[in-house]
Structure formats: structure tokens, C-alpha cells
PDB file of N, CA and C in Angstrom:
ATOM      1  N   MET A   1     -26.459-146.870 -14.692  1.00  0.00           N
ATOM      2  CA  MET A   1     -27.680-147.635 -14.653  1.00  0.00           C
ATOM      3  C   MET A   1     -28.793-146.775 -14.076  1.00  0.00           C
ATOM      4  N   GLY A   2     -29.940-146.824 -14.704  1.00  0.00           N
ATOM      5  CA  GLY A   2     -31.121-146.154 -14.193  1.00  0.00           C
ATOM      6  C   GLY A   2     -32.080-147.192 -13.667  1.00  0.00           C
ATOM      7  N   THR A   3     -33.296-146.758 -13.392  1.00  0.00           N
ATOM      8  CA  THR A   3     -34.316-147.712 -12.946  1.00  0.00           C
ATOM      9  C   THR A   3     -35.598-147.473 -13.707  1.00  0.00           C
ATOM     10  N   ARG A   4     -36.324-148.545 -13.928  1.00  0.00           N
ATOM     11  CA  ARG A   4     -37.654-148.480 -14.524  1.00  0.00           C
ATOM     12  C   ARG A   4     -38.655-148.261 -13.406  1.00  0.00           C
ATOM     13  N   PRO A   5     -39.841-147.772 -13.766  1.00  0.00           N
ATOM     14  CA  PRO A   5     -40.883-147.737 -12.740  1.00  0.00           C
ATOM     15  C   PRO A   5     -41.049-149.146 -12.168  1.00  0.00           C
ATOM     16  N   GLY A   6     -41.085-149.261 -10.898  1.00  0.00           N
ATOM     17  CA  GLY A   6     -41.154-150.568 -10.254  1.00  0.00           C
ATOM     18  C   GLY A   6     -39.807-151.009  -9.716  1.00  0.00           C
ATOM     19  N   GLY A   7     -38.741-150.233 -10.034  1.00  0.00           N
ATOM     20  CA  GLY A   7     -37.442-150.504  -9.437  1.00  0.00           C
ATOM     21  C   GLY A   7     -36.508-151.392 -10.218  1.00  0.00           C
ATOM     22  N   ASP A   8     -36.907-151.882 -11.415  1.00  0.00           N
ATOM     23  CA  ASP A   8     -36.016-152.729 -12.207  1.00  0.00           C
ATOM     24  C   ASP A   8     -34.864-151.904 -12.766  1.00  0.00           C
ATOM     25  N   ALA A   9     -33.650-152.473 -12.750  1.00  0.00           N
ATOM     26  CA  ALA A   9     -32.480-151.781 -13.278  1.00  0.00           C
ATOM     27  C   ALA A   9     -32.549-151.727 -14.802  1.00  0.00           C
ATOM     28  N   VAL A  10     -32.074-150.608 -15.371  1.00  0.00           N
ATOM     29  CA  VAL A  10     -32.033-150.419 -16.810  1.00  0.00           C
ATOM     30  C   VAL A  10     -30.618-150.030 -17.194  1.00  0.00           C
ATOM     31  N   ASP A  11     -30.040-150.709 -18.186  1.00  0.00           N
ATOM     32  CA  ASP A  11     -28.724-150.353 -18.693  1.00  0.00           C
ATOM     33  C   ASP A  11     -28.913-149.244 -19.716  1.00  0.00           C
ATOM     34  N   GLU A  12     -28.498-148.018 -19.368  1.00  0.00           N
ATOM     35  CA  GLU A  12     -28.726-146.866 -20.228  1.00  0.00           C
ATOM     36  C   GLU A  12     -27.780-146.820 -21.423  1.00  0.00           C
ATOM     37  N   THR A  13     -26.803-147.717 -21.508  1.00  0.00           N
ATOM     38  CA  THR A  13     -25.911-147.742 -22.659  1.00  0.00           C
ATOM     39  C   THR A  13     -26.470-148.598 -23.782  1.00  0.00           C
ATOM     40  N   VAL A  14     -27.611-149.242 -23.563  1.00  0.00           N
ATOM     41  CA  VAL A  14     -28.219-150.080 -24.582  1.00  0.00           C
ATOM     42  C   VAL A  14     -28.653-149.201 -25.745  1.00  0.00           C
ATOM     43  N   SER A  15     -28.361-149.651 -26.943  1.00  0.00           N
ATOM     44  CA  SER A  15     -28.689-148.896 -28.134  1.00  0.00           C
ATOM     45  C   SER A  15     -30.196-148.810 -28.326  1.00  0.00           C
ATOM     46  N   THR A  16     -30.654-147.635 -28.693  1.00  0.00           N
ATOM     47  CA  THR A  16     -32.060-147.463 -29.035  1.00  0.00           C
ATOM     48  C   THR A  16     -32.203-147.141 -30.507  1.00  0.00           C
ATOM     49  N   GLY A  17     -31.127-147.171 -31.234  1.00  0.00           N
ATOM     50  CA  GLY A  17     -31.144-146.862 -32.660  1.00  0.00           C
ATOM     51  C   GLY A  17     -29.998-147.543 -33.351  1.00  0.00           C
ATOM     52  N   PRO A  18     -29.708-147.094 -34.571  1.00  0.00           N
ATOM     53  CA  PRO A  18     -28.609-147.718 -35.309  1.00  0.00           C
ATOM     54  C   PRO A  18     -27.262-147.406 -34.666  1.00  0.00           C
ATOM     55  N   PRO A  19     -26.302-148.312 -34.802  1.00  0.00           N
ATOM     56  CA  PRO A  19     -24.979-148.071 -34.220  1.00  0.00           C
ATOM     57  C   PRO A  19     -24.200-147.042 -35.037  1.00  0.00           C
ATOM     58  N   ILE A  20     -23.139-146.543 -34.445  1.00  0.00           N
ATOM     59  CA  ILE A  20     -22.140-145.781 -35.191  1.00  0.00           C
ATOM     60  C   ILE A  20     -21.150-146.810 -35.713  1.00  0.00           C
ATOM     61  N   THR A  21     -20.910-146.803 -37.023  1.00  0.00           N
ATOM     62  CA  THR A  21     -19.966-147.732 -37.630  1.00  0.00           C
ATOM     63  C   THR A  21     -18.606-147.062 -37.714  1.00  0.00           C
ATOM     64  N   VAL A  22     -17.583-147.751 -37.210  1.00  0.00           N
ATOM     65  CA  VAL A  22     -16.208-147.258 -37.268  1.00  0.00           C
ATOM     66  C   VAL A  22     -15.462-148.151 -38.250  1.00  0.00           C
ATOM     67  N   ARG A  23     -14.939-147.532 -39.317  1.00  0.00           N
ATOM     68  CA  ARG A  23     -14.174-148.278 -40.322  1.00  0.00           C
ATOM     69  C   ARG A  23     -12.706-147.910 -40.215  1.00  0.00           C
ATOM     70  N   TYR A  24     -11.874-148.940 -40.309  1.00  0.00           N
ATOM     71  CA  TYR A  24     -10.432-148.768 -40.223  1.00  0.00           C
ATOM     72  C   TYR A  24      -9.812-149.078 -41.585  1.00  0.00           C
ATOM     73  N   TRP A  25      -8.850-148.256 -42.000  1.00  0.00           N
ATOM     74  CA  TRP A  25      -8.171-148.454 -43.272  1.00  0.00           C
ATOM     75  C   TRP A  25      -6.683-148.664 -43.029  1.00  0.00           C
ATOM     76  N   ALA A  26      -6.064-149.463 -43.878  1.00  0.00           N
ATOM     77  CA  ALA A  26      -4.613-149.691 -43.915  1.00  0.00           C
ATOM     78  C   ALA A  26      -4.049-150.061 -42.540  1.00  0.00           C
ATOM     79  N   SER A  27      -3.109-149.266 -42.009  1.00  0.00           N
ATOM     80  CA  SER A  27      -2.470-149.634 -40.741  1.00  0.00           C
ATOM     81  C   SER A  27      -3.438-149.590 -39.562  1.00  0.00           C
ATOM     82  N   ALA A  28      -4.500-148.800 -39.654  1.00  0.00           N
ATOM     83  CA  ALA A  28      -5.510-148.802 -38.585  1.00  0.00           C
ATOM     84  C   ALA A  28      -6.232-150.146 -38.574  1.00  0.00           C
ATOM     85  N   ARG A  29      -6.515-150.678 -39.749  1.00  0.00           N
ATOM     86  CA  ARG A  29      -7.149-152.000 -39.846  1.00  0.00           C
ATOM     87  C   ARG A  29      -6.213-153.073 -39.298  1.00  0.00           C
ATOM     88  N   ALA A  30      -4.942-152.958 -39.633  1.00  0.00           N
ATOM     89  CA  ALA A  30      -3.963-153.933 -39.131  1.00  0.00           C
ATOM     90  C   ALA A  30      -3.874-153.856 -37.610  1.00  0.00           C
ATOM     91  N   ALA A  31      -3.876-152.647 -37.054  1.00  0.00           N
ATOM     92  CA  ALA A  31      -3.775-152.483 -35.601  1.00  0.00           C
ATOM     93  C   ALA A  31      -5.020-153.000 -34.892  1.00  0.00           C
ATOM     94  N   ALA A  32      -6.186-152.752 -35.463  1.00  0.00           N
ATOM     95  CA  ALA A  32      -7.438-153.194 -34.840  1.00  0.00           C
ATOM     96  C   ALA A  32      -7.660-154.690 -35.022  1.00  0.00           C
ATOM     97  N   GLY A  33      -7.156-155.217 -36.130  1.00  0.00           N
ATOM     98  CA  GLY A  33      -7.377-156.629 -36.426  1.00  0.00           C
ATOM     99  C   GLY A  33      -8.745-156.906 -37.029  1.00  0.00           C
ATOM    100  N   VAL A  34      -9.498-155.858 -37.311  1.00  0.00           N
ATOM    101  CA  VAL A  34     -10.818-155.989 -37.930  1.00  0.00           C
ATOM    102  C   VAL A  34     -11.004-154.845 -38.923  1.00  0.00           C
ATOM    103  N   GLU A  35     -11.937-155.018 -39.832  1.00  0.00           N
ATOM    104  CA  GLU A  35     -12.248-153.988 -40.829  1.00  0.00           C
ATOM    105  C   GLU A  35     -13.078-152.862 -40.226  1.00  0.00           C
ATOM    106  N   SER A  36     -13.962-153.223 -39.287  1.00  0.00           N
ATOM    107  CA  SER A  36     -14.845-152.210 -38.713  1.00  0.00           C
ATOM    108  C   SER A  36     -15.390-152.674 -37.368  1.00  0.00           C
ATOM    109  N   ASP A  37     -15.928-151.716 -36.638  1.00  0.00           N
ATOM    110  CA  ASP A  37     -16.617-151.983 -35.377  1.00  0.00           C
ATOM    111  C   ASP A  37     -17.955-151.255 -35.414  1.00  0.00           C
ATOM    112  N   ALA A  38     -18.921-151.774 -34.686  1.00  0.00           N
ATOM    113  CA  ALA A  38     -20.220-151.126 -34.523  1.00  0.00           C
ATOM    114  C   ALA A  38     -20.332-150.693 -33.063  1.00  0.00           C
ATOM    115  N   LEU A  39     -20.497-149.395 -32.843  1.00  0.00           N
ATOM    116  CA  LEU A  39     -20.639-148.866 -31.488  1.00  0.00           C
ATOM    117  C   LEU A  39     -22.119-148.686 -31.178  1.00  0.00           C
ATOM    118  N   ALA A  40     -22.615-149.431 -30.217  1.00  0.00           N
ATOM    119  CA  ALA A  40     -24.003-149.264 -29.786  1.00  0.00           C
ATOM    120  C   ALA A  40     -24.121-147.928 -29.061  1.00  0.00           C
ATOM    121  N   VAL A  41     -25.086-147.130 -29.470  1.00  0.00           N
ATOM    122  CA  VAL A  41     -25.265-145.802 -28.886  1.00  0.00           C
ATOM    123  C   VAL A  41     -26.743-145.534 -28.643  1.00  0.00           C
ATOM    124  N   SER A  42     -26.989-144.625 -27.712  1.00  0.00           N
ATOM    125  CA  SER A  42     -28.367-144.203 -27.458  1.00  0.00           C
ATOM    126  C   SER A  42     -28.582-142.766 -27.908  1.00  0.00           C
ATOM    127  N   GLY A  43     -27.537-142.150 -28.463  1.00  0.00           N
ATOM    128  CA  GLY A  43     -27.613-140.782 -28.952  1.00  0.00           C
ATOM    129  C   GLY A  43     -26.275-140.395 -29.543  1.00  0.00           C
ATOM    130  N   PRO A  44     -26.134-139.133 -29.945  1.00  0.00           N
ATOM    131  CA  PRO A  44     -24.874-138.689 -30.541  1.00  0.00           C
ATOM    132  C   PRO A  44     -23.702-138.772 -29.561  1.00  0.00           C
ATOM    133  N   LEU A  45     -22.503-138.951 -30.117  1.00  0.00           N
ATOM    134  CA  LEU A  45     -21.251-138.935 -29.359  1.00  0.00           C
ATOM    135  C   LEU A  45     -20.326-137.906 -29.998  1.00  0.00           C
ATOM    136  N   THR A  46     -19.398-137.381 -29.212  1.00  0.00           N
ATOM    137  CA  THR A  46     -18.346-136.575 -29.819  1.00  0.00           C
ATOM    138  C   THR A  46     -17.361-137.513 -30.491  1.00  0.00           C
ATOM    139  N   LEU A  47     -16.591-136.982 -31.421  1.00  0.00           N
ATOM    140  CA  LEU A  47     -15.561-137.790 -32.060  1.00  0.00           C
ATOM    141  C   LEU A  47     -14.555-138.280 -31.027  1.00  0.00           C
ATOM    142  N   THR A  48     -14.281-137.476 -30.014  1.00  0.00           N
ATOM    143  CA  THR A  48     -13.393-137.900 -28.927  1.00  0.00           C
ATOM    144  C   THR A  48     -13.919-139.173 -28.279  1.00  0.00           C
ATOM    145  N   ASP A  49     -15.224-139.226 -28.017  1.00  0.00           N
ATOM    146  CA  ASP A  49     -15.819-140.413 -27.405  1.00  0.00           C
ATOM    147  C   ASP A  49     -15.781-141.614 -28.348  1.00  0.00           C
ATOM    148  N   VAL A  50     -15.984-141.382 -29.640  1.00  0.00           N
ATOM    149  CA  VAL A  50     -15.902-142.474 -30.614  1.00  0.00           C
ATOM    150  C   VAL A  50     -14.498-143.074 -30.601  1.00  0.00           C
ATOM    151  N   VAL A  51     -13.474-142.213 -30.603  1.00  0.00           N
ATOM    152  CA  VAL A  51     -12.081-142.694 -30.585  1.00  0.00           C
ATOM    153  C   VAL A  51     -11.819-143.491 -29.311  1.00  0.00           C
ATOM    154  N   ARG A  52     -12.245-142.975 -28.172  1.00  0.00           N
ATOM    155  CA  ARG A  52     -12.034-143.686 -26.896  1.00  0.00           C
ATOM    156  C   ARG A  52     -12.708-145.053 -26.908  1.00  0.00           C
ATOM    157  N   ARG A  53     -13.951-145.087 -27.365  1.00  0.00           N
ATOM    158  CA  ARG A  53     -14.678-146.364 -27.361  1.00  0.00           C
ATOM    159  C   ARG A  53     -14.079-147.351 -28.347  1.00  0.00           C
ATOM    160  N   ALA A  54     -13.669-146.865 -29.519  1.00  0.00           N
ATOM    161  CA  ALA A  54     -13.047-147.746 -30.513  1.00  0.00           C
ATOM    162  C   ALA A  54     -11.746-148.322 -29.964  1.00  0.00           C
ATOM    163  N   ALA A  55     -10.917-147.480 -29.363  1.00  0.00           N
ATOM    164  CA  ALA A  55      -9.652-147.955 -28.791  1.00  0.00           C
ATOM    165  C   ALA A  55      -9.898-148.956 -27.673  1.00  0.00           C
ATOM    166  N   ALA A  56     -10.913-148.724 -26.863  1.00  0.00           N
ATOM    167  CA  ALA A  56     -11.221-149.625 -25.747  1.00  0.00           C
ATOM    168  C   ALA A  56     -11.677-151.002 -26.227  1.00  0.00           C
ATOM    169  N   MET A  57     -12.166-151.083 -27.457  1.00  0.00           N
ATOM    170  CA  MET A  57     -12.597-152.371 -27.995  1.00  0.00           C
ATOM    171  C   MET A  57     -11.418-153.250 -28.400  1.00  0.00           C
ATOM    172  N   HIS A  58     -10.216-152.647 -28.433  1.00  0.00           N
ATOM    173  CA  HIS A  58      -9.015-153.374 -28.871  1.00  0.00           C
ATOM    174  C   HIS A  58      -7.866-153.133 -27.886  1.00  0.00           C
ATOM    175  N   PRO A  59      -8.056-153.560 -26.623  1.00  0.00           N
ATOM    176  CA  PRO A  59      -7.013-153.330 -25.617  1.00  0.00           C
ATOM    177  C   PRO A  59      -5.723-154.064 -25.970  1.00  0.00           C
ATOM    178  N   GLY A  60      -4.615-153.451 -25.569  1.00  0.00           N
ATOM    179  CA  GLY A  60      -3.320-154.087 -25.786  1.00  0.00           C
ATOM    180  C   GLY A  60      -2.808-153.987 -27.207  1.00  0.00           C
ATOM    181  N   THR A  61      -3.463-153.200 -28.055  1.00  0.00           N
ATOM    182  CA  THR A  61      -3.009-153.026 -29.432  1.00  0.00           C
ATOM    183  C   THR A  61      -2.396-151.638 -29.586  1.00  0.00           C
ATOM    184  N   ARG A  62      -1.843-151.391 -30.749  1.00  0.00           N
ATOM    185  CA  ARG A  62      -1.294-150.068 -31.032  1.00  0.00           C
ATOM    186  C   ARG A  62      -2.346-149.150 -31.661  1.00  0.00           C
ATOM    187  N   LEU A  63      -3.605-149.569 -31.648  1.00  0.00           N
ATOM    188  CA  LEU A  63      -4.670-148.804 -32.286  1.00  0.00           C
ATOM    189  C   LEU A  63      -4.787-147.368 -31.768  1.00  0.00           C
ATOM    190  N   PRO A  64      -4.738-147.108 -30.457  1.00  0.00           N
ATOM    191  CA  PRO A  64      -4.881-145.708 -30.017  1.00  0.00           C
ATOM    192  C   PRO A  64      -3.873-144.761 -30.669  1.00  0.00           C
ATOM    193  N   GLY A  65      -2.618-145.169 -30.755  1.00  0.00           N
ATOM    194  CA  GLY A  65      -1.602-144.331 -31.387  1.00  0.00           C
ATOM    195  C   GLY A  65      -1.837-144.145 -32.873  1.00  0.00           C
ATOM    196  N   VAL A  66      -2.279-145.205 -33.536  1.00  0.00           N
ATOM    197  CA  VAL A  66      -2.563-145.116 -34.970  1.00  0.00           C
ATOM    198  C   VAL A  66      -3.731-144.159 -35.209  1.00  0.00           C
ATOM    199  N   LEU A  67      -4.786-144.252 -34.401  1.00  0.00           N
ATOM    200  CA  LEU A  67      -5.950-143.384 -34.591  1.00  0.00           C
ATOM    201  C   LEU A  67      -5.585-141.909 -34.435  1.00  0.00           C
ATOM    202  N   GLU A  68      -4.646-141.611 -33.545  1.00  0.00           N
ATOM    203  CA  GLU A  68      -4.219-140.224 -33.351  1.00  0.00           C
ATOM    204  C   GLU A  68      -3.604-139.630 -34.607  1.00  0.00           C
ATOM    205  N   ALA A  69      -2.961-140.459 -35.431  1.00  0.00           N
ATOM    206  CA  ALA A  69      -2.289-139.982 -36.636  1.00  0.00           C
ATOM    207  C   ALA A  69      -3.196-139.968 -37.862  1.00  0.00           C
ATOM    208  N   CYS A  70      -4.407-140.481 -37.743  1.00  0.00           N
ATOM    209  CA  CYS A  70      -5.294-140.647 -38.888  1.00  0.00           C
ATOM    210  C   CYS A  70      -6.036-139.369 -39.273  1.00  0.00           C
ATOM    211  N   SER A  71      -6.332-139.290 -40.569  1.00  0.00           N
ATOM    212  CA  SER A  71      -7.343-138.360 -41.048  1.00  0.00           C
ATOM    213  C   SER A  71      -8.683-139.033 -40.781  1.00  0.00           C
ATOM    214  N   VAL A  72      -9.716-138.227 -40.555  1.00  0.00           N
ATOM    215  CA  VAL A  72     -11.013-138.795 -40.179  1.00  0.00           C
ATOM    216  C   VAL A  72     -12.109-138.239 -41.082  1.00  0.00           C
ATOM    217  N   LEU A  73     -12.983-139.131 -41.508  1.00  0.00           N
ATOM    218  CA  LEU A  73     -14.205-138.742 -42.199  1.00  0.00           C
ATOM    219  C   LEU A  73     -15.379-139.107 -41.303  1.00  0.00           C
ATOM    220  N   VAL A  74     -16.319-138.208 -41.161  1.00  0.00           N
ATOM    221  CA  VAL A  74     -17.587-138.502 -40.493  1.00  0.00           C
ATOM    222  C   VAL A  74     -18.641-138.386 -41.582  1.00  0.00           C
ATOM    223  N   GLY A  75     -19.246-139.524 -41.920  1.00  0.00           N
ATOM    224  CA  GLY A  75     -20.059-139.558 -43.127  1.00  0.00           C
ATOM    225  C   GLY A  75     -19.099-139.390 -44.290  1.00  0.00           C
ATOM    226  N   ASP A  76     -19.365-138.456 -45.157  1.00  0.00           N
ATOM    227  CA  ASP A  76     -18.427-138.193 -46.254  1.00  0.00           C
ATOM    228  C   ASP A  76     -17.704-136.860 -46.068  1.00  0.00           C
ATOM    229  N   GLN A  77     -17.771-136.319 -44.852  1.00  0.00           N
ATOM    230  CA  GLN A  77     -17.159-135.021 -44.565  1.00  0.00           C
ATOM    231  C   GLN A  77     -15.835-135.171 -43.809  1.00  0.00           C
ATOM    232  N   PRO A  78     -14.736-134.611 -44.351  1.00  0.00           N
ATOM    233  CA  PRO A  78     -13.468-134.649 -43.622  1.00  0.00           C
ATOM    234  C   PRO A  78     -13.549-133.784 -42.365  1.00  0.00           C
ATOM    235  N   VAL A  79     -12.961-134.275 -41.302  1.00  0.00           N
ATOM    236  CA  VAL A  79     -12.938-133.534 -40.032  1.00  0.00           C
ATOM    237  C   VAL A  79     -11.879-132.443 -40.094  1.00  0.00           C
ATOM    238  N   LYS A  80     -10.772-132.703 -40.791  1.00  0.00           N
ATOM    239  CA  LYS A  80      -9.640-131.778 -40.931  1.00  0.00           C
ATOM    240  C   LYS A  80      -9.120-131.349 -39.573  1.00  0.00           C
ATOM    241  N   SER A  81      -9.009-130.053 -39.332  1.00  0.00           N
ATOM    242  CA  SER A  81      -8.381-129.572 -38.096  1.00  0.00           C
ATOM    243  C   SER A  81      -9.381-129.215 -37.006  1.00  0.00           C
ATOM    244  N   ARG A  82     -10.638-129.600 -37.167  1.00  0.00           N
ATOM    245  CA  ARG A  82     -11.617-129.308 -36.116  1.00  0.00           C
ATOM    246  C   ARG A  82     -11.291-130.102 -34.863  1.00  0.00           C
ATOM    247  N   GLU A  83     -11.582-129.518 -33.715  1.00  0.00           N
ATOM    248  CA  GLU A  83     -11.356-130.183 -32.434  1.00  0.00           C
ATOM    249  C   GLU A  83     -12.312-131.378 -32.306  1.00  0.00           C
ATOM    250  N   PRO A  84     -11.794-132.569 -31.974  1.00  0.00           N
ATOM    251  CA  PRO A  84     -12.648-133.760 -31.869  1.00  0.00           C
ATOM    252  C   PRO A  84     -13.791-133.609 -30.868  1.00  0.00           C
ATOM    253  N   ASP A  85     -13.595-132.773 -29.843  1.00  0.00           N
ATOM    254  CA  ASP A  85     -14.676-132.563 -28.863  1.00  0.00           C
ATOM    255  C   ASP A  85     -15.842-131.784 -29.447  1.00  0.00           C
ATOM    256  N   THR A  86     -15.633-131.119 -30.587  1.00  0.00           N
ATOM    257  CA  THR A  86     -16.700-130.310 -31.189  1.00  0.00           C
ATOM    258  C   THR A  86     -17.389-131.025 -32.348  1.00  0.00           C
ATOM    259  N   VAL A  87     -16.869-132.190 -32.744  1.00  0.00           N
ATOM    260  CA  VAL A  87     -17.431-132.938 -33.869  1.00  0.00           C
ATOM    261  C   VAL A  87     -18.421-133.960 -33.320  1.00  0.00           C
ATOM    262  N   MET A  88     -19.688-133.812 -33.694  1.00  0.00           N
ATOM    263  CA  MET A  88     -20.723-134.730 -33.217  1.00  0.00           C
ATOM    264  C   MET A  88     -20.964-135.830 -34.250  1.00  0.00           C
ATOM    265  N   VAL A  89     -21.085-137.051 -33.753  1.00  0.00           N
ATOM    266  CA  VAL A  89     -21.350-138.220 -34.589  1.00  0.00           C
ATOM    267  C   VAL A  89     -22.697-138.779 -34.154  1.00  0.00           C
ATOM    268  N   ARG A  90     -23.617-138.866 -35.102  1.00  0.00           N
ATOM    269  CA  ARG A  90     -24.976-139.327 -34.803  1.00  0.00           C
ATOM    270  C   ARG A  90     -25.120-140.835 -35.026  1.00  0.00           C
ATOM    271  N   PRO A  91     -26.046-141.463 -34.320  1.00  0.00           N
ATOM    272  CA  PRO A  91     -26.324-142.875 -34.580  1.00  0.00           C
ATOM    273  C   PRO A  91     -26.588-143.080 -36.071  1.00  0.00           C
ATOM    274  N   GLY A  92     -26.042-144.157 -36.597  1.00  0.00           N
ATOM    275  CA  GLY A  92     -26.218-144.482 -38.007  1.00  0.00           C
ATOM    276  C   GLY A  92     -25.122-143.926 -38.904  1.00  0.00           C
ATOM    277  N   GLN A  93     -24.300-143.010 -38.389  1.00  0.00           N
ATOM    278  CA  GLN A  93     -23.220-142.469 -39.205  1.00  0.00           C
ATOM    279  C   GLN A  93     -22.032-143.410 -39.243  1.00  0.00           C
ATOM    280  N   ILE A  94     -21.184-143.199 -40.249  1.00  0.00           N
ATOM    281  CA  ILE A  94     -19.955-143.966 -40.415  1.00  0.00           C
ATOM    282  C   ILE A  94     -18.783-143.038 -40.164  1.00  0.00           C
ATOM    283  N   VAL A  95     -17.846-143.492 -39.329  1.00  0.00           N
ATOM    284  CA  VAL A  95     -16.612-142.762 -39.063  1.00  0.00           C
ATOM    285  C   VAL A  95     -15.481-143.599 -39.659  1.00  0.00           C
ATOM    286  N   GLU A  96     -14.673-142.971 -40.518  1.00  0.00           N
ATOM    287  CA  GLU A  96     -13.577-143.690 -41.167  1.00  0.00           C
ATOM    288  C   GLU A  96     -12.247-143.108 -40.745  1.00  0.00           C
ATOM    289  N   PHE A  97     -11.315-143.997 -40.385  1.00  0.00           N
ATOM    290  CA  PHE A  97      -9.975-143.607 -39.966  1.00  0.00           C
ATOM    291  C   PHE A  97      -9.000-143.988 -41.077  1.00  0.00           C
ATOM    292  N   LEU A  98      -8.379-142.967 -41.677  1.00  0.00           N
ATOM    293  CA  LEU A  98      -7.467-143.140 -42.797  1.00  0.00           C
ATOM    294  C   LEU A  98      -6.055-142.732 -42.386  1.00  0.00           C
ATOM    295  N   PRO A  99      -5.174-143.708 -42.166  1.00  0.00           N
ATOM    296  CA  PRO A  99      -3.803-143.394 -41.779  1.00  0.00           C
ATOM    297  C   PRO A  99      -3.084-142.649 -42.905  1.00  0.00           C
ATOM    298  N   PRO A 100      -2.048-141.880 -42.551  1.00  0.00           N
ATOM    299  CA  PRO A 100      -1.255-141.233 -43.597  1.00  0.00           C
ATOM    300  C   PRO A 100      -0.594-142.294 -44.466  1.00  0.00           C
ATOM    301  N   PHE A 101      -0.384-141.959 -45.696  1.00  0.00           N
ATOM    302  CA  PHE A 101       0.267-142.923 -46.586  1.00  0.00           C
ATOM    303  C   PHE A 101       1.312-142.207 -47.428  1.00  0.00           C
ATOM    304  N   ALA A 102       2.297-142.955 -47.872  1.00  0.00           N
ATOM    305  CA  ALA A 102       3.363-142.407 -48.699  1.00  0.00           C
ATOM    306  C   ALA A 102       3.008-142.597 -50.162  1.00  0.00           C
ATOM    307  N   GLY A 103       3.600-141.818 -50.986  1.00  0.00           N
ATOM    308  CA  GLY A 103       3.395-141.989 -52.409  1.00  0.00           C
ATOM    309  C   GLY A 103       2.741-140.767 -53.013  1.00  0.00           C
ATOM    310  N   GLY A 104       2.445-140.856 -54.275  1.00  0.00           N
ATOM    311  CA  GLY A 104       1.910-139.703 -54.980  1.00  0.00           C
ATOM    312  C   GLY A 104       0.572-139.953 -55.429  1.00  0.00           C
TER     313      GLY A 104
END
């Protein structure tokens, strides 16, 4: 929390722009119990932070473990083997979690 001139408290986590949309597919959707979440942000987050915040929105579920096994798209770009701490997600972007699937 910060303060405004005059001493009023300000919640610095309040969004000042579009949210980051997190979409869940297949078993990730089943684990989350929802199709997507909107993360209110005031600036870019690392993918690590997006995963933490998404998991925190669904306590007591198996979502954290499922997200670890997922392939990830940020926008339309696959993250592949990049370190999540180095992948920046901007307000307004969509992050998609695609669990592995069997078949051809």
C-alpha cells in the first residue's frame, strides 16, 4: 500500500489497464473449475508470477501441479523451454495453459 498526497492509502495492486487473461484447456480447465481468469495488473508480470497468481485463485485444487506440466502460449507465441522468470506478460495479453494430451 502506498499513500496519496494528503495521506490517503492507495492499493497499488489495483489495475490501471487491461487485465492479463489466463485461459485453461482440458485438464487445466477441469482443475481450475473455470475456463479462464482475469488477473488485474498495473504493469507487466513474469510468467512465474502469472502462474503463482493463477494458482492462488484456486486454492485447494490440483491446478498448480497441472500448470507445471502444461505447454504455455503467451499471445500466440509458444514459451517452449524458456525460463518462466524471463518471459514477460503485458497487460492485455492472453496466457494459455495447454496440458499434454495423448493421441496422434
